[in-house]
Amino acid sequence: MAWNGEKMRLPLSHMAGDNVAVDSGHARLNELGYKQELKRDLSMLSNFAFSFSIISVLTGITTLYNTGLNFGGTISLVYGWLIAGGFTMVVGLSMAEICSSYPTSGGLYYWSAKLAGPKWAPFASWMTGWFNIVGQWAVTTSIDFSLAQLIQVIILLSTGGKNGGGYEASKYVVIAFHGGILLLHAIINSLPISVLSFFGQLAALWNLLGVVVLMILIPTVATERASAKFVFTHFNTDNGDGIGSKVYIFVLGLLMTQYTLSGYDASAHMTEETKNADKSGPKGIISSIGVSLIFGWGYILGITFAVTNIPYLLSEDNDAGGYAIAEIFYLAFKSRFGSGVGGILCLGIIAVAIFFCGMSSVTSNSRMVYAFSRDGAMPFSSLWHKVNKQEVPINAVWLSAVISFCMALTYLGSIVAFQAMVSIATIGLYIAYALPIFFRVTLAHKSFTPGPFSLGRYGLLVGWVAVLWVVTISVLFSLPVAYPITSETLNYTPVAVGGLLVLTVSSWIFSARHWFKGPITNIDS
């Protein structure tokens, strides 16, 4: 792994007059055939902040902590995080190497086009782009919906809890919360990138400090704490889902980690607004994963030391209605001080982190929409790639918010349909991550020219491990999660992802292959 001191191959006069320092990312963008339309105002720290805020360990771990407890318990949480996290870093390293060579907002789909070669470029770009963009919309849907659910739980606990006559919001109220959150995110993302940069850095700081505060505060306040033996060796097989195999249970528990550690492609989508993007973009990807791994594990350990009764935490009859982390926080303060108000305030810290997470996700969505429509891949492309006077892709921002809201409406019809839709957030997105890496290690294994960040001779090995990991989790997370299998217990992930695959391929065969040619340069337009 090395940072190469490669010189830009475009003459400086192509972009600026003599004696003017030229940003390497700007120069590389021009070299790839694109003119600078977005304001390049982000530092490497800001680029990192967007990806770190989308990963947001407070969001992912809090939302799916129940899954980890139910499938394997503390062993699944503690060791599953390290195993899945290690392989996620492998995926990130391979993506970072490609990002360094092609620092554009299109990110994954542009990489696929370049790496698949002229013959396969349009099809590779089409497939990757649609899996990426739909996966991103599903991510935003799930993030903001998880915040709406947490707000529901906060209100429930604040009004007495489930056992004290607390207010339980209906599904229509939850959807209303979700819509309001998306509206705020769209408004914030309509602001200039300099303002978004500030919010992004604030979000990163909030996540870091929030993790540190909660991982120390909760086990300290709790009057009953788990032993180290329980935290590091207890395996929960009492899942009530008819699954007895420990290996099967453990791999299902990995979903929490893999769901949390996604969204770091934001660093790639923000490269056209990042200074020296061919260096800063890869650093943003790698550092966001690395820092998340460390702080996420600390958060898991801290919270898990306050776990003493797994069945009760998962029971829908507790005060939080079965929301495990909310019940942990609430009980910790109630047992110590006779009131759970402190626990509710701690949930507020997480709620703010999730809000920032959704905000950054909309930012990443909009840049992907902007780039994909710039290349003519979306219906009404000319509308979605327009930027306003503040150089913000304003139409793409609002489109992303509206689609994410529409995806959440499936919750009103069926929780099963909603879960199938959200499953694309993990598997669909990771398929989009794997496609350009696959082309890098196959069709482009000899022709690929690395940028300043290079894995050197390890590039092919790292790439193959990354591809195989994505194949593995795609299979594992499509397995049934409960037996016997019924319409209510069936895992609809393969149905949702398969449906997206069929739609994408069909649209290519019957329409797009006749007009979509892959990324279109606009340097002369």
Protein backbone atom coordinates (compact mmCIF):
# COMPACT_ATOMS: atom_id res chain seq x y z
CA MET A 1 0.00 0.00 0.00
CA ALA A 2 1.60 3.25 -1.08
CA TRP A 3 0.95 6.84 -1.91
CA ASN A 4 2.49 7.55 -5.31
CA GLY A 5 3.81 10.93 -6.23
CA GLU A 6 2.29 10.74 -9.70
CA LYS A 7 2.27 14.02 -11.60
CA MET A 8 -0.85 15.22 -13.34
CA ARG A 9 -0.76 14.51 -17.03
CA LEU A 10 -2.77 17.57 -18.08
CA PRO A 11 -0.87 20.81 -18.59
CA LEU A 12 -1.64 23.33 -15.89
CA SER A 13 -2.55 25.89 -18.51
CA HIS A 14 -5.54 23.74 -19.33
CA MET A 15 -7.17 24.95 -16.17
CA ALA A 16 -5.39 28.06 -14.96
CA GLY A 17 -2.87 30.64 -15.81
CA ASP A 18 0.84 30.43 -15.07
CA ASN A 19 2.04 30.36 -11.47
CA VAL A 20 -1.38 29.25 -10.19
CA ALA A 21 -1.46 26.17 -7.98
CA VAL A 22 -3.86 23.61 -9.40
CA ASP A 23 -5.82 21.21 -7.22
CA SER A 24 -4.85 17.66 -8.18
CA GLY A 25 -8.47 16.47 -7.96
CA HIS A 26 -9.61 19.28 -10.26
CA ALA A 27 -6.87 18.43 -12.74
CA ARG A 28 -7.71 14.74 -12.68
CA LEU A 29 -11.44 15.50 -13.17
CA ASN A 30 -10.60 17.51 -16.28
CA GLU A 31 -8.38 14.72 -17.48
CA LEU A 32 -11.29 12.29 -17.14
CA GLY A 33 -13.36 14.60 -19.35
CA TYR A 34 -15.51 16.53 -16.88
CA LYS A 35 -15.65 20.23 -16.19
CA GLN A 36 -15.86 21.52 -12.63
CA GLU A 37 -19.52 22.34 -11.89
CA LEU A 38 -19.70 21.78 -8.13
CA LYS A 39 -17.84 23.97 -5.69
CA ARG A 40 -14.59 22.27 -4.60
CA ASP A 41 -14.53 23.44 -1.01
CA LEU A 42 -14.23 20.30 1.16
CA SER A 43 -11.09 19.33 3.04
CA MET A 44 -10.03 15.74 3.60
CA LEU A 45 -11.50 16.05 7.13
CA SER A 46 -14.87 17.09 5.71
CA ASN A 47 -14.78 14.25 3.20
CA PHE A 48 -14.09 11.81 6.03
CA ALA A 49 -16.85 13.39 8.11
CA PHE A 50 -19.56 12.68 5.54
CA SER A 51 -18.70 8.97 5.30
CA PHE A 52 -18.16 8.63 9.04
CA SER A 53 -21.51 10.28 9.71
CA ILE A 54 -23.31 7.92 7.33
CA ILE A 55 -21.62 4.86 8.86
CA SER A 56 -22.57 6.34 12.26
CA VAL A 57 -21.99 3.50 14.72
CA LEU A 58 -24.55 5.07 17.05
CA THR A 59 -27.15 4.66 14.30
CA GLY A 60 -26.41 1.15 13.04
CA ILE A 61 -25.58 -0.53 16.33
CA THR A 62 -28.50 1.04 18.18
CA THR A 63 -30.95 0.16 15.43
CA LEU A 64 -29.90 -3.49 15.04
CA TYR A 65 -28.63 -4.29 18.54
CA ASN A 66 -31.73 -6.47 18.95
CA THR A 67 -30.60 -8.57 16.00
CA GLY A 68 -27.20 -9.18 17.57
CA LEU A 69 -28.70 -10.07 20.94
CA ASN A 70 -31.26 -12.40 19.39
CA PHE A 71 -28.82 -14.19 17.09
CA GLY A 72 -25.83 -15.18 19.18
CA GLY A 73 -25.97 -12.62 21.95
CA THR A 74 -22.78 -11.04 23.24
CA ILE A 75 -20.43 -13.29 21.24
CA SER A 76 -22.15 -12.30 18.03
CA LEU A 77 -21.96 -8.63 18.98
CA VAL A 78 -18.37 -8.52 20.20
CA TYR A 79 -16.63 -10.88 17.77
CA GLY A 80 -18.98 -10.46 14.83
CA TRP A 81 -18.08 -6.77 14.78
CA LEU A 82 -14.38 -7.56 14.44
CA ILE A 83 -14.83 -10.26 11.79
CA ALA A 84 -17.24 -8.40 9.52
CA GLY A 85 -15.38 -5.16 10.21
CA GLY A 86 -12.09 -6.65 9.06
CA PHE A 87 -13.57 -7.79 5.77
CA THR A 88 -15.30 -4.43 5.36
CA MET A 89 -11.90 -2.76 5.59
CA VAL A 90 -10.69 -5.05 2.79
CA VAL A 91 -13.61 -3.87 0.62
CA GLY A 92 -12.82 -0.27 1.56
CA LEU A 93 -9.14 -0.58 0.67
CA SER A 94 -9.96 -1.87 -2.78
CA MET A 95 -12.53 0.87 -3.32
CA ALA A 96 -10.04 3.49 -2.13
CA GLU A 97 -7.47 2.39 -4.69
CA ILE A 98 -10.00 2.74 -7.51
CA CYS A 99 -11.28 6.06 -6.13
CA SER A 100 -7.75 7.45 -6.26
CA SER A 101 -7.59 6.73 -9.96
CA TYR A 102 -11.11 7.97 -10.79
CA PRO A 103 -12.14 10.75 -8.35
CA THR A 104 -15.59 11.64 -9.73
CA SER A 105 -19.03 12.08 -8.13
CA GLY A 106 -20.27 9.12 -10.16
CA GLY A 107 -18.04 6.90 -8.07
CA LEU A 108 -18.88 3.22 -8.43
CA TYR A 109 -20.73 3.27 -11.75
CA TYR A 110 -18.03 5.41 -13.38
CA TRP A 111 -15.36 3.05 -12.06
CA SER A 112 -17.19 0.07 -13.53
CA ALA A 113 -17.40 1.73 -16.93
CA LYS A 114 -13.67 2.47 -16.99
CA LEU A 115 -12.60 -0.91 -15.64
CA ALA A 116 -14.94 -3.12 -17.71
CA GLY A 117 -13.47 -1.86 -20.99
CA PRO A 118 -15.18 -0.26 -24.02
CA LYS A 119 -17.21 -3.36 -24.95
CA TRP A 120 -18.82 -3.87 -21.53
CA ALA A 121 -18.64 -0.29 -20.20
CA PRO A 122 -22.27 0.78 -20.83
CA PHE A 123 -23.80 -2.39 -19.35
CA ALA A 124 -21.39 -2.47 -16.38
CA SER A 125 -22.04 1.20 -15.69
CA TRP A 126 -25.82 0.75 -15.97
CA MET A 127 -25.94 -2.19 -13.57
CA THR A 128 -23.60 -0.69 -11.00
CA GLY A 129 -25.25 2.72 -11.12
CA TRP A 130 -28.77 1.48 -10.50
CA PHE A 131 -27.75 -0.89 -7.71
CA ASN A 132 -25.81 1.97 -6.13
CA ILE A 133 -28.51 4.60 -6.41
CA VAL A 134 -31.40 2.37 -5.29
CA GLY A 135 -29.23 1.03 -2.47
CA GLN A 136 -28.50 4.59 -1.37
CA TRP A 137 -32.17 5.54 -1.40
CA ALA A 138 -32.91 2.45 0.69
CA VAL A 139 -30.17 3.46 3.12
CA THR A 140 -31.68 6.92 3.56
CA THR A 141 -35.12 5.36 3.98
CA SER A 142 -33.92 2.99 6.70
CA ILE A 143 -31.87 5.65 8.53
CA ASP A 144 -34.65 8.21 8.74
CA PHE A 145 -37.23 5.55 9.53
CA SER A 146 -35.06 4.28 12.39
CA LEU A 147 -34.99 7.85 13.74
CA ALA A 148 -38.78 8.04 13.48
CA GLN A 149 -39.02 4.78 15.44
CA LEU A 150 -36.58 6.02 18.08
CA ILE A 151 -38.60 9.22 18.49
CA GLN A 152 -41.65 6.99 18.99
CA VAL A 153 -39.81 5.07 21.75
CA ILE A 154 -38.58 8.29 23.40
CA ILE A 155 -42.17 9.57 23.52
CA LEU A 156 -43.35 6.20 24.87
CA LEU A 157 -40.81 6.25 27.72
CA SER A 158 -41.36 9.95 28.43
CA THR A 159 -45.06 9.36 28.96
CA GLY A 160 -44.69 6.44 31.37
CA GLY A 161 -43.47 3.53 29.27
CA LYS A 162 -45.48 0.64 27.90
CA ASN A 163 -46.27 -0.64 31.39
CA GLY A 164 -47.19 2.79 32.68
CA GLY A 165 -49.77 3.82 30.12
CA GLY A 166 -47.30 5.61 27.84
CA TYR A 167 -48.30 6.89 24.40
CA GLU A 168 -47.68 4.38 21.60
CA ALA A 169 -47.66 6.15 18.24
CA SER A 170 -49.53 4.53 15.36
CA LYS A 171 -47.79 3.59 12.14
CA TYR A 172 -49.27 6.69 10.52
CA VAL A 173 -47.67 8.93 13.12
CA VAL A 174 -44.34 7.18 12.58
CA ILE A 175 -44.60 7.79 8.82
CA ALA A 176 -45.41 11.45 9.55
CA PHE A 177 -42.26 11.67 11.69
CA HIS A 178 -40.30 10.11 8.84
CA GLY A 179 -41.65 12.62 6.34
CA GLY A 180 -40.83 15.55 8.63
CA ILE A 181 -37.26 14.31 9.11
CA LEU A 182 -36.74 13.95 5.36
CA LEU A 183 -38.13 17.44 4.81
CA LEU A 184 -35.57 18.88 7.23
CA HIS A 185 -32.80 16.93 5.54
CA ALA A 186 -33.79 18.22 2.11
CA ILE A 187 -33.84 21.81 3.39
CA ILE A 188 -30.40 21.47 5.00
CA ASN A 189 -28.98 19.87 1.85
CA SER A 190 -30.23 22.80 -0.20
CA LEU A 191 -27.73 25.03 1.60
CA PRO A 192 -24.25 25.80 0.17
CA ILE A 193 -21.58 23.11 0.50
CA SER A 194 -19.64 25.27 2.97
CA VAL A 195 -22.59 25.03 5.38
CA LEU A 196 -22.94 21.31 4.77
CA SER A 197 -19.23 20.92 5.45
CA PHE A 198 -19.73 22.52 8.88
CA PHE A 199 -22.67 20.23 9.65
CA GLY A 200 -20.68 17.24 8.43
CA GLN A 201 -17.78 17.96 10.76
CA LEU A 202 -20.18 18.67 13.63
CA ALA A 203 -21.85 15.31 12.92
CA ALA A 204 -18.52 13.48 13.04
CA LEU A 205 -17.61 15.17 16.32
CA TRP A 206 -21.05 14.40 17.77
CA ASN A 207 -20.72 10.72 16.87
CA LEU A 208 -17.24 10.45 18.38
CA LEU A 209 -18.12 12.22 21.62
CA GLY A 210 -21.49 10.47 21.84
CA VAL A 211 -19.86 7.05 21.65
CA VAL A 212 -17.29 7.94 24.31
CA VAL A 213 -19.92 9.39 26.68
CA LEU A 214 -22.36 6.49 26.33
CA MET A 215 -19.81 3.66 26.47
CA ILE A 216 -18.56 5.03 29.80
CA LEU A 217 -21.76 6.45 31.28
CA ILE A 218 -24.19 3.54 30.82
CA PRO A 219 -22.17 0.74 32.46
CA THR A 220 -21.09 3.18 35.20
CA VAL A 221 -24.67 4.18 36.05
CA ALA A 222 -26.10 0.65 35.82
CA THR A 223 -26.49 -0.99 39.25
CA GLU A 224 -26.21 -4.46 37.73
CA ARG A 225 -23.39 -5.19 35.32
CA ALA A 226 -22.46 -8.25 33.32
CA SER A 227 -19.22 -10.08 34.03
CA ALA A 228 -16.38 -10.09 31.52
CA LYS A 229 -17.00 -13.80 31.07
CA PHE A 230 -20.61 -13.13 30.06
CA VAL A 231 -19.67 -10.34 27.64
CA PHE A 232 -16.89 -12.27 25.91
CA THR A 233 -18.19 -15.86 26.06
CA HIS A 234 -21.98 -15.94 26.31
CA PHE A 235 -23.71 -17.37 23.25
CA ASN A 236 -27.47 -16.88 23.07
CA THR A 237 -29.27 -19.72 21.29
CA ASP A 238 -32.68 -18.91 22.74
CA ASN A 239 -33.86 -16.91 19.73
CA GLY A 240 -37.38 -18.28 19.54
CA ASP A 241 -37.05 -18.60 15.77
CA GLY A 242 -36.52 -22.32 15.50
CA ILE A 243 -32.81 -22.06 14.67
CA GLY A 244 -30.46 -24.28 16.67
CA SER A 245 -27.20 -24.30 14.70
CA LYS A 246 -24.68 -22.00 16.38
CA VAL A 247 -22.89 -21.27 13.11
CA TYR A 248 -26.19 -20.33 11.45
CA ILE A 249 -27.14 -18.13 14.39
CA PHE A 250 -23.76 -16.40 14.43
CA VAL A 251 -23.79 -15.47 10.73
CA LEU A 252 -27.31 -14.03 11.06
CA GLY A 253 -25.96 -11.87 13.89
CA LEU A 254 -23.40 -10.37 11.50
CA LEU A 255 -26.15 -8.31 9.86
CA MET A 256 -25.85 -5.63 12.54
CA THR A 257 -22.19 -5.03 11.70
CA GLN A 258 -22.59 -5.17 7.94
CA TYR A 259 -25.59 -2.84 7.96
CA THR A 260 -23.71 -0.36 10.14
CA LEU A 261 -20.49 -0.43 8.13
CA SER A 262 -21.92 0.80 4.84
CA GLY A 263 -22.31 4.14 3.14
CA TYR A 264 -18.60 4.97 3.00
CA ASP A 265 -18.89 5.35 -0.77
CA ALA A 266 -20.00 8.88 0.19
CA SER A 267 -16.31 9.84 0.16
CA ALA A 268 -16.22 8.92 -3.53
CA HIS A 269 -19.45 10.76 -4.35
CA MET A 270 -18.12 13.91 -2.67
CA THR A 271 -14.78 13.92 -4.54
CA GLU A 272 -15.79 16.59 -7.05
CA GLU A 273 -16.31 18.92 -4.08
CA THR A 274 -13.15 17.81 -2.23
CA LYS A 275 -9.72 19.40 -2.52
CA ASN A 276 -7.02 17.06 -3.87
CA ALA A 277 -9.68 14.39 -4.20
CA ASP A 278 -7.40 11.74 -5.68
CA LYS A 279 -5.69 11.64 -2.28
CA SER A 280 -8.42 12.89 0.08
CA GLY A 281 -11.17 10.60 -1.26
CA PRO A 282 -9.29 7.34 -0.56
CA LYS A 283 -8.23 8.64 2.84
CA GLY A 284 -11.85 9.46 3.61
CA ILE A 285 -12.99 5.92 2.78
CA ILE A 286 -10.27 4.16 4.77
CA SER A 287 -10.28 6.45 7.80
CA SER A 288 -14.09 6.43 8.13
CA ILE A 289 -14.10 2.63 8.25
CA GLY A 290 -11.10 2.43 10.59
CA VAL A 291 -12.35 5.00 13.10
CA SER A 292 -15.83 3.44 13.02
CA LEU A 293 -14.38 0.00 13.75
CA ILE A 294 -12.55 1.24 16.83
CA PHE A 295 -15.30 3.42 18.28
CA GLY A 296 -18.04 0.97 17.34
CA TRP A 297 -16.36 -1.86 19.21
CA GLY A 298 -15.95 0.39 22.24
CA TYR A 299 -19.65 1.29 22.10
CA ILE A 300 -20.66 -2.37 21.84
CA LEU A 301 -18.50 -3.33 24.82
CA GLY A 302 -19.71 -0.44 26.97
CA ILE A 303 -23.40 -1.11 26.34
CA THR A 304 -23.07 -4.88 26.55
CA PHE A 305 -21.57 -4.68 30.04
CA ALA A 306 -24.96 -3.32 31.10
CA VAL A 307 -26.77 -6.38 29.68
CA THR A 308 -27.85 -8.94 32.28
CA ASN A 309 -31.17 -10.33 31.03
CA ILE A 310 -31.35 -10.81 27.26
CA PRO A 311 -34.89 -12.31 27.10
CA TYR A 312 -36.31 -9.36 29.05
CA LEU A 313 -34.55 -6.78 26.87
CA LEU A 314 -36.00 -8.40 23.75
CA SER A 315 -39.49 -8.76 25.21
CA GLU A 316 -42.17 -6.52 23.75
CA ASP A 317 -43.63 -6.28 27.25
CA ASN A 318 -40.83 -4.12 28.68
CA ASP A 319 -41.26 -0.37 29.01
CA ALA A 320 -39.47 0.35 25.72
CA GLY A 321 -41.67 -2.13 23.85
CA GLY A 322 -38.76 -4.45 23.07
CA TYR A 323 -36.28 -1.79 21.90
CA ALA A 324 -33.25 -3.28 23.67
CA ILE A 325 -30.84 -0.33 23.89
CA ALA A 326 -33.64 2.03 24.94
CA GLU A 327 -34.59 -0.38 27.72
CA ILE A 328 -30.93 -0.72 28.80
CA PHE A 329 -30.55 3.05 29.10
CA TYR A 330 -33.90 3.50 30.82
CA LEU A 331 -33.32 0.71 33.38
CA ALA A 332 -29.75 1.87 34.12
CA PHE A 333 -30.91 5.29 35.30
CA LYS A 334 -34.16 4.11 36.85
CA SER A 335 -32.40 1.52 38.99
CA ARG A 336 -29.77 4.03 40.11
CA PHE A 337 -31.83 7.20 40.57
CA GLY A 338 -35.43 6.00 40.64
CA SER A 339 -36.15 7.78 37.35
CA GLY A 340 -35.36 6.88 33.75
CA VAL A 341 -35.09 10.51 32.59
CA GLY A 342 -31.32 10.26 32.26
CA GLY A 343 -31.71 7.26 29.98
CA ILE A 344 -34.18 9.18 27.81
CA LEU A 345 -31.66 12.04 27.50
CA CYS A 346 -29.03 9.51 26.41
CA LEU A 347 -31.42 8.32 23.72
CA GLY A 348 -31.57 11.96 22.64
CA ILE A 349 -27.82 11.85 21.97
CA ILE A 350 -28.39 8.90 19.66
CA ALA A 351 -31.36 10.60 17.98
CA VAL A 352 -29.19 13.59 17.05
CA ALA A 353 -26.52 11.24 15.67
CA ILE A 354 -29.11 9.45 13.53
CA PHE A 355 -30.40 12.82 12.29
CA PHE A 356 -26.90 13.78 11.17
CA CYS A 357 -26.51 10.33 9.61
CA GLY A 358 -29.63 10.80 7.49
CA MET A 359 -28.53 14.31 6.54
CA SER A 360 -25.21 13.04 5.19
CA SER A 361 -26.95 10.16 3.43
CA VAL A 362 -29.16 12.58 1.49
CA THR A 363 -26.02 14.53 0.56
CA SER A 364 -24.41 11.39 -0.86
CA ASN A 365 -27.66 10.37 -2.62
CA SER A 366 -27.98 13.70 -4.35
CA ARG A 367 -24.40 13.64 -5.67
CA MET A 368 -24.96 10.17 -7.10
CA VAL A 369 -28.20 11.34 -8.76
CA TYR A 370 -26.39 14.41 -10.09
CA ALA A 371 -23.59 12.35 -11.64
CA PHE A 372 -25.82 9.56 -12.98
CA SER A 373 -28.20 12.03 -14.61
CA ARG A 374 -25.25 14.05 -15.98
CA ASP A 375 -24.46 10.93 -17.99
CA GLY A 376 -28.07 10.58 -19.15
CA ALA A 377 -28.91 7.40 -17.24
CA MET A 378 -32.03 8.63 -15.43
CA PRO A 379 -35.44 9.67 -16.72
CA PHE A 380 -35.53 13.48 -17.10
CA SER A 381 -31.76 13.57 -16.61
CA SER A 382 -31.46 17.20 -17.70
CA LEU A 383 -33.60 18.19 -14.72
CA TRP A 384 -31.74 16.24 -12.02
CA HIS A 385 -28.18 17.26 -12.86
CA LYS A 386 -28.83 21.00 -12.74
CA VAL A 387 -27.02 23.02 -10.06
CA ASN A 388 -28.19 26.31 -8.54
CA LYS A 389 -26.28 29.54 -7.96
CA GLN A 390 -24.68 28.05 -4.83
CA GLU A 391 -23.43 25.15 -7.02
CA VAL A 392 -25.72 22.68 -5.23
CA PRO A 393 -27.57 19.95 -7.23
CA ILE A 394 -30.83 21.15 -5.73
CA ASN A 395 -33.23 19.07 -7.83
CA ALA A 396 -31.28 15.90 -7.06
CA VAL A 397 -31.54 16.66 -3.34
CA TRP A 398 -35.33 16.90 -3.38
CA LEU A 399 -35.73 13.91 -5.69
CA SER A 400 -33.74 11.77 -3.25
CA ALA A 401 -35.86 12.92 -0.31
CA VAL A 402 -39.15 12.23 -2.13
CA ILE A 403 -38.11 8.76 -3.31
CA SER A 404 -36.90 7.81 0.18
CA PHE A 405 -40.26 8.86 1.60
CA CYS A 406 -42.14 6.85 -1.03
CA MET A 407 -40.08 3.76 -0.23
CA ALA A 408 -41.08 4.08 3.44
CA LEU A 409 -44.78 4.11 2.55
CA THR A 410 -44.58 0.32 2.08
CA TYR A 411 -44.58 0.19 5.91
CA LEU A 412 -48.24 1.23 5.92
CA GLY A 413 -49.15 -1.81 3.86
CA SER A 414 -46.90 -4.50 5.31
CA ILE A 415 -43.91 -4.62 7.64
CA VAL A 416 -42.68 -7.57 5.55
CA ALA A 417 -42.73 -5.45 2.37
CA PHE A 418 -40.92 -2.64 4.16
CA GLN A 419 -38.21 -4.98 5.45
CA ALA A 420 -37.73 -6.34 1.93
CA MET A 421 -37.34 -2.81 0.61
CA VAL A 422 -34.81 -1.88 3.28
CA SER A 423 -32.83 -5.09 2.73
CA ILE A 424 -31.55 -3.51 -0.49
CA ALA A 425 -29.74 -1.03 1.76
CA THR A 426 -27.19 -3.68 2.70
CA ILE A 427 -27.05 -6.30 -0.05
CA GLY A 428 -27.89 -4.01 -2.98
CA LEU A 429 -25.34 -1.45 -1.92
CA TYR A 430 -22.60 -4.01 -1.36
CA ILE A 431 -23.24 -5.54 -4.78
CA ALA A 432 -22.62 -2.07 -6.20
CA TYR A 433 -19.39 -1.93 -4.17
CA ALA A 434 -18.24 -5.31 -5.48
CA LEU A 435 -18.92 -4.81 -9.21
CA PRO A 436 -16.13 -2.29 -9.96
CA ILE A 437 -13.75 -4.26 -7.75
CA PHE A 438 -14.63 -7.41 -9.73
CA PHE A 439 -13.89 -5.62 -13.00
CA ARG A 440 -10.64 -4.31 -11.49
CA VAL A 441 -9.36 -7.82 -10.71
CA THR A 442 -10.63 -9.44 -13.94
CA LEU A 443 -11.03 -7.38 -17.11
CA ALA A 444 -8.71 -4.59 -15.92
CA HIS A 445 -6.15 -6.60 -13.94
CA LYS A 446 -3.41 -5.62 -16.42
CA SER A 447 -4.65 -2.27 -17.70
CA PHE A 448 -5.60 -0.57 -14.41
CA THR A 449 -3.47 2.50 -13.69
CA PRO A 450 -3.50 3.40 -9.99
CA GLY A 451 -3.65 6.94 -8.70
CA PRO A 452 -1.65 8.40 -5.79
CA PHE A 453 -3.08 5.71 -3.47
CA SER A 454 -2.09 2.21 -4.56
CA LEU A 455 -2.21 -1.25 -3.01
CA GLY A 456 0.69 -2.24 -5.23
CA ARG A 457 1.21 -5.95 -5.70
CA TYR A 458 -1.48 -6.70 -3.11
CA GLY A 459 -4.22 -5.01 -5.17
CA LEU A 460 -5.45 -8.18 -6.88
CA LEU A 461 -5.42 -10.25 -3.68
CA VAL A 462 -7.29 -7.59 -1.69
CA GLY A 463 -9.76 -7.19 -4.54
CA TRP A 464 -10.56 -10.89 -4.78
CA VAL A 465 -11.04 -11.16 -1.00
CA ALA A 466 -13.41 -8.18 -1.16
CA VAL A 467 -15.46 -9.72 -3.98
CA LEU A 468 -15.70 -13.10 -2.26
CA TRP A 469 -16.80 -11.45 0.99
CA VAL A 470 -19.65 -9.63 -0.76
CA VAL A 471 -20.72 -12.87 -2.44
CA THR A 472 -20.64 -14.59 0.97
CA ILE A 473 -22.76 -12.00 2.80
CA SER A 474 -25.20 -11.83 -0.13
CA VAL A 475 -25.87 -15.53 0.35
CA LEU A 476 -25.86 -15.48 4.16
CA PHE A 477 -28.27 -12.57 4.49
CA SER A 478 -30.67 -14.22 2.03
CA LEU A 479 -31.09 -17.27 4.27
CA PRO A 480 -34.30 -17.77 6.28
CA VAL A 481 -34.21 -16.06 9.69
CA ALA A 482 -37.00 -18.09 11.28
CA TYR A 483 -38.54 -21.55 11.03
CA PRO A 484 -41.02 -22.82 10.06
CA ILE A 485 -41.05 -20.61 6.97
CA THR A 486 -44.33 -18.77 6.42
CA SER A 487 -45.38 -15.61 4.58
CA GLU A 488 -44.61 -13.69 7.78
CA THR A 489 -41.21 -15.28 8.52
CA LEU A 490 -39.86 -15.61 4.97
CA ASN A 491 -36.70 -13.60 4.34
CA TYR A 492 -37.68 -11.44 1.39
CA THR A 493 -34.16 -10.10 0.79
CA PRO A 494 -33.51 -12.32 -2.27
CA VAL A 495 -36.93 -11.34 -3.62
CA ALA A 496 -36.17 -7.61 -3.29
CA VAL A 497 -32.61 -7.81 -4.61
CA GLY A 498 -33.66 -10.26 -7.33
CA GLY A 499 -36.49 -7.94 -8.31
CA LEU A 500 -34.06 -5.05 -8.63
CA LEU A 501 -31.78 -7.24 -10.74
CA VAL A 502 -34.62 -8.25 -13.06
CA LEU A 503 -35.80 -4.65 -13.47
CA THR A 504 -32.28 -3.38 -14.15
CA VAL A 505 -31.43 -6.08 -16.69
CA SER A 506 -34.84 -5.85 -18.38
CA SER A 507 -34.61 -2.09 -18.74
CA TRP A 508 -31.20 -2.58 -20.30
CA ILE A 509 -32.31 -5.22 -22.78
CA PHE A 510 -35.52 -3.51 -23.90
CA SER A 511 -34.41 0.11 -23.79
CA ALA A 512 -31.13 1.40 -22.35
CA ARG A 513 -28.80 -0.66 -24.56
CA HIS A 514 -30.02 1.38 -27.52
CA TRP A 515 -29.14 4.78 -26.06
CA PHE A 516 -27.05 4.59 -22.89
CA LYS A 517 -23.35 4.68 -23.76
CA GLY A 518 -21.91 5.00 -20.26
CA PRO A 519 -20.29 8.09 -18.73
CA ILE A 520 -20.39 11.09 -21.08
CA THR A 521 -17.63 13.68 -20.91
CA ASN A 522 -18.68 17.34 -20.85
CA ILE A 523 -15.35 19.14 -20.93
CA ASP A 524 -16.15 20.70 -24.30
CA SER A 525 -19.85 21.35 -23.69
